[in-house]
Amino acid sequence: MTDPLSHRTDPQTLRERYADPAAVTRRIEDLRAEIGHAADPVGELLARGELVELLAAGGRLDEALREAESAADRADMSGNGAQQHMARLRLAQVHTLRGEFGPSTLLYTELLAAAERFGPVIEAVTHHAAALDAYDQGHWSDARQHFARALALREEYDLPDDERESSRLGLEAALRPLREEIPGEDAP
């Protein structure tokens, strides 16, 4: 049986596309209820994180921004450093999707400087998200650098195949403009 929340990455936009939008809507409503009845701060932060991701993926960017700001505030009040980092990362991702590159760039500067201290999984996620921000802005060199770092971490620590594939796909997409500028030459 296929997971109703399964998704694929669009090779052009590098954004997740869900197979069943109705299942995403149902999950969003379930998450809103979970947040209100969470047994502890960890459960609440996990639900808020997934909610932000699904709202953003569904194009509900105003709601995603409000929820991401709430999640970041909540993480600051009751979360540990890694939870605070991830909440700010999701906020940066929403700013990127909204085309608000000033706030996203400021957040990514902070997040990239701190990512390594939270271990390779969070470091890889941070580099991948920063790469998407650079990609959306047309900063191909920065996008390639961050996708390559995310991929290297994901391969070195044998992180899940779908994460490695997502970084490979992103790196390939960020190399495309270089290949289009220099026909017949291989990109680095």
Protein backbone atom coordinates (compact mmCIF):
# COMPACT_ATOMS: atom_id res chain seq x y z
CA MET A 1 0.00 0.00 0.00
CA THR A 2 1.30 3.44 -0.93
CA ASP A 3 1.76 6.02 1.80
CA PRO A 4 -0.91 8.71 1.22
CA LEU A 5 1.68 11.33 2.16
CA SER A 6 4.29 10.04 -0.27
CA HIS A 7 5.96 12.71 -2.33
CA ARG A 8 8.50 13.22 -5.05
CA THR A 9 10.86 16.07 -5.77
CA ASP A 10 10.15 18.09 -8.90
CA PRO A 11 13.45 18.11 -10.87
CA GLN A 12 12.96 21.71 -12.05
CA THR A 13 11.70 23.49 -8.93
CA LEU A 14 13.29 21.04 -6.47
CA ARG A 15 10.11 21.22 -4.39
CA GLU A 16 8.23 18.30 -2.91
CA ARG A 17 5.02 17.34 -4.66
CA TYR A 18 2.57 15.16 -2.74
CA ALA A 19 0.68 12.40 -4.51
CA ASP A 20 -2.57 12.93 -2.57
CA PRO A 21 -3.39 16.59 -1.74
CA ALA A 22 -6.54 15.52 0.13
CA ALA A 23 -4.45 13.33 2.45
CA VAL A 24 -2.16 16.31 3.08
CA THR A 25 -5.19 18.44 4.01
CA ARG A 26 -6.43 15.75 6.39
CA ARG A 27 -3.00 15.47 7.98
CA ILE A 28 -2.84 19.26 8.42
CA GLU A 29 -6.11 19.16 10.37
CA ASP A 30 -4.86 16.23 12.47
CA LEU A 31 -1.67 18.13 13.27
CA ARG A 32 -3.60 21.21 14.38
CA ALA A 33 -5.47 18.99 16.85
CA GLU A 34 -2.23 17.33 18.01
CA ILE A 35 -0.68 20.71 18.76
CA GLY A 36 -3.61 21.65 20.95
CA HIS A 37 -3.47 18.37 22.87
CA ALA A 38 0.26 17.63 22.89
CA ALA A 39 1.36 15.79 26.00
CA ASP A 40 4.71 17.56 26.14
CA PRO A 41 6.76 20.25 24.39
CA VAL A 42 8.61 17.71 22.24
CA GLY A 43 5.37 16.34 20.79
CA GLU A 44 4.12 19.85 20.19
CA LEU A 45 7.32 20.92 18.41
CA LEU A 46 7.31 17.81 16.21
CA ALA A 47 3.69 18.44 15.21
CA ARG A 48 4.37 22.12 14.55
CA GLY A 49 7.36 21.24 12.38
CA GLU A 50 5.40 18.81 10.23
CA LEU A 51 2.52 21.29 10.00
CA VAL A 52 4.81 24.02 8.66
CA GLU A 53 6.31 21.64 6.10
CA LEU A 54 2.92 20.46 4.82
CA LEU A 55 1.43 23.96 4.65
CA ALA A 56 4.46 25.18 2.73
CA ALA A 57 4.45 22.21 0.36
CA GLY A 58 0.75 22.82 -0.27
CA GLY A 59 1.38 26.43 -1.20
CA ARG A 60 -0.45 27.78 1.86
CA LEU A 61 2.39 30.20 2.49
CA ASP A 62 0.61 32.79 4.65
CA GLU A 63 -0.50 30.05 7.03
CA ALA A 64 2.94 28.44 6.84
CA LEU A 65 4.59 31.72 7.81
CA ARG A 66 2.30 32.21 10.81
CA GLU A 67 2.85 28.64 11.96
CA ALA A 68 6.62 28.83 11.39
CA GLU A 69 6.83 32.01 13.48
CA SER A 70 4.77 30.35 16.23
CA ALA A 71 6.94 27.23 16.09
CA ALA A 72 10.14 29.28 16.35
CA ASP A 73 8.73 31.21 19.32
CA ARG A 74 7.62 27.99 21.01
CA ALA A 75 11.01 26.34 20.39
CA ASP A 76 12.74 29.36 21.90
CA MET A 77 10.59 29.00 25.02
CA SER A 78 10.70 25.25 25.57
CA GLY A 79 13.01 23.57 23.07
CA ASN A 80 16.64 22.61 23.13
CA GLY A 81 19.25 24.03 20.74
CA ALA A 82 18.59 21.52 17.97
CA GLN A 83 14.83 22.10 18.15
CA GLN A 84 15.36 25.86 18.03
CA HIS A 85 17.66 25.42 15.03
CA MET A 86 15.13 23.30 13.15
CA ALA A 87 12.26 25.69 13.90
CA ARG A 88 14.29 28.62 12.53
CA LEU A 89 15.27 26.49 9.55
CA ARG A 90 11.61 25.92 8.69
CA LEU A 91 10.95 29.65 9.09
CA ALA A 92 13.81 30.36 6.65
CA GLN A 93 12.36 27.83 4.20
CA VAL A 94 8.98 29.55 4.28
CA HIS A 95 10.64 32.92 3.63
CA THR A 96 12.41 31.35 0.66
CA LEU A 97 9.16 29.98 -0.76
CA ARG A 98 7.55 33.41 -0.34
CA GLY A 99 10.43 35.00 -2.25
CA GLU A 100 11.50 36.91 0.88
CA PHE A 101 15.22 36.47 0.36
CA GLY A 102 16.37 39.18 2.77
CA PRO A 103 15.00 37.39 5.84
CA SER A 104 15.91 33.95 4.48
CA THR A 105 19.51 34.96 3.79
CA LEU A 106 19.91 36.37 7.29
CA LEU A 107 18.51 33.22 8.85
CA TYR A 108 20.65 30.91 6.70
CA THR A 109 23.79 32.85 7.61
CA GLU A 110 23.05 32.19 11.29
CA LEU A 111 21.92 28.60 10.73
CA LEU A 112 24.92 27.58 8.63
CA ALA A 113 27.33 28.99 11.23
CA ALA A 114 25.71 26.84 13.94
CA ALA A 115 24.72 23.69 12.02
CA GLU A 116 27.85 21.64 12.58
CA ARG A 117 27.44 21.60 16.36
CA PHE A 118 24.13 19.72 16.04
CA GLY A 119 25.60 16.76 14.17
CA PRO A 120 25.71 15.56 10.57
CA VAL A 121 21.96 15.04 10.07
CA ILE A 122 21.04 18.62 10.99
CA GLU A 123 24.11 19.96 9.20
CA ALA A 124 23.09 18.16 6.00
CA VAL A 125 19.48 19.37 6.27
CA THR A 126 20.72 22.93 6.81
CA HIS A 127 23.05 22.85 3.81
CA HIS A 128 20.32 21.36 1.63
CA ALA A 129 17.82 24.05 2.66
CA ALA A 130 20.41 26.81 2.14
CA ALA A 131 21.09 25.34 -1.30
CA LEU A 132 17.40 25.59 -2.20
CA ASP A 133 17.43 29.23 -1.10
CA ALA A 134 20.49 29.95 -3.27
CA TYR A 135 18.95 28.00 -6.16
CA ASP A 136 15.75 30.04 -6.03
CA GLN A 137 17.81 33.22 -6.12
CA GLY A 138 19.87 32.03 -9.08
CA HIS A 139 23.07 31.89 -7.02
CA TRP A 140 24.27 28.73 -8.76
CA SER A 141 27.74 28.55 -7.22
CA ASP A 142 26.38 28.81 -3.67
CA ALA A 143 23.66 26.29 -4.49
CA ARG A 144 26.23 23.82 -5.86
CA GLN A 145 28.46 24.27 -2.81
CA HIS A 146 25.63 23.64 -0.33
CA PHE A 147 24.10 20.72 -2.28
CA ALA A 148 27.57 19.14 -2.53
CA ARG A 149 28.15 19.51 1.22
CA ALA A 150 24.71 18.07 2.02
CA LEU A 151 25.35 15.13 -0.32
CA ALA A 152 28.82 14.49 1.11
CA LEU A 153 27.44 14.37 4.64
CA ARG A 154 24.53 12.18 3.62
CA GLU A 155 26.85 9.73 1.88
CA GLU A 156 29.52 9.74 4.59
CA TYR A 157 27.00 8.98 7.33
CA ASP A 158 24.90 6.66 5.16
CA LEU A 159 21.75 8.75 5.63
CA PRO A 160 18.53 7.59 3.91
CA ASP A 161 18.57 7.02 0.16
CA ASP A 162 15.79 9.55 -0.51
CA GLU A 163 17.82 12.29 1.22
CA ARG A 164 20.93 11.44 -0.80
CA GLU A 165 18.90 11.37 -3.99
CA SER A 166 17.33 14.74 -3.20
CA SER A 167 20.79 16.30 -2.78
CA ARG A 168 22.02 14.62 -5.98
CA LEU A 169 19.01 15.96 -7.86
CA GLY A 170 19.63 19.45 -6.44
CA LEU A 171 23.31 19.37 -7.34
CA GLU A 172 22.44 18.30 -10.89
CA ALA A 173 19.88 21.12 -11.18
CA ALA A 174 22.39 23.69 -9.90
CA LEU A 175 24.95 22.47 -12.46
CA ARG A 176 22.47 22.85 -15.34
CA PRO A 177 22.89 26.64 -15.79
CA LEU A 178 26.68 26.22 -15.97
CA ARG A 179 26.34 23.53 -18.62
CA GLU A 180 23.97 25.75 -20.59
CA GLU A 181 26.52 28.60 -20.50
CA ILE A 182 29.37 26.39 -21.72
CA PRO A 183 27.96 23.94 -24.28
CA GLY A 184 30.08 20.85 -24.79
CA GLU A 185 32.16 21.32 -21.65
CA ASP A 186 31.73 19.30 -18.52
CA ALA A 187 30.90 21.25 -15.40
CA PRO A 188 33.09 20.72 -12.34
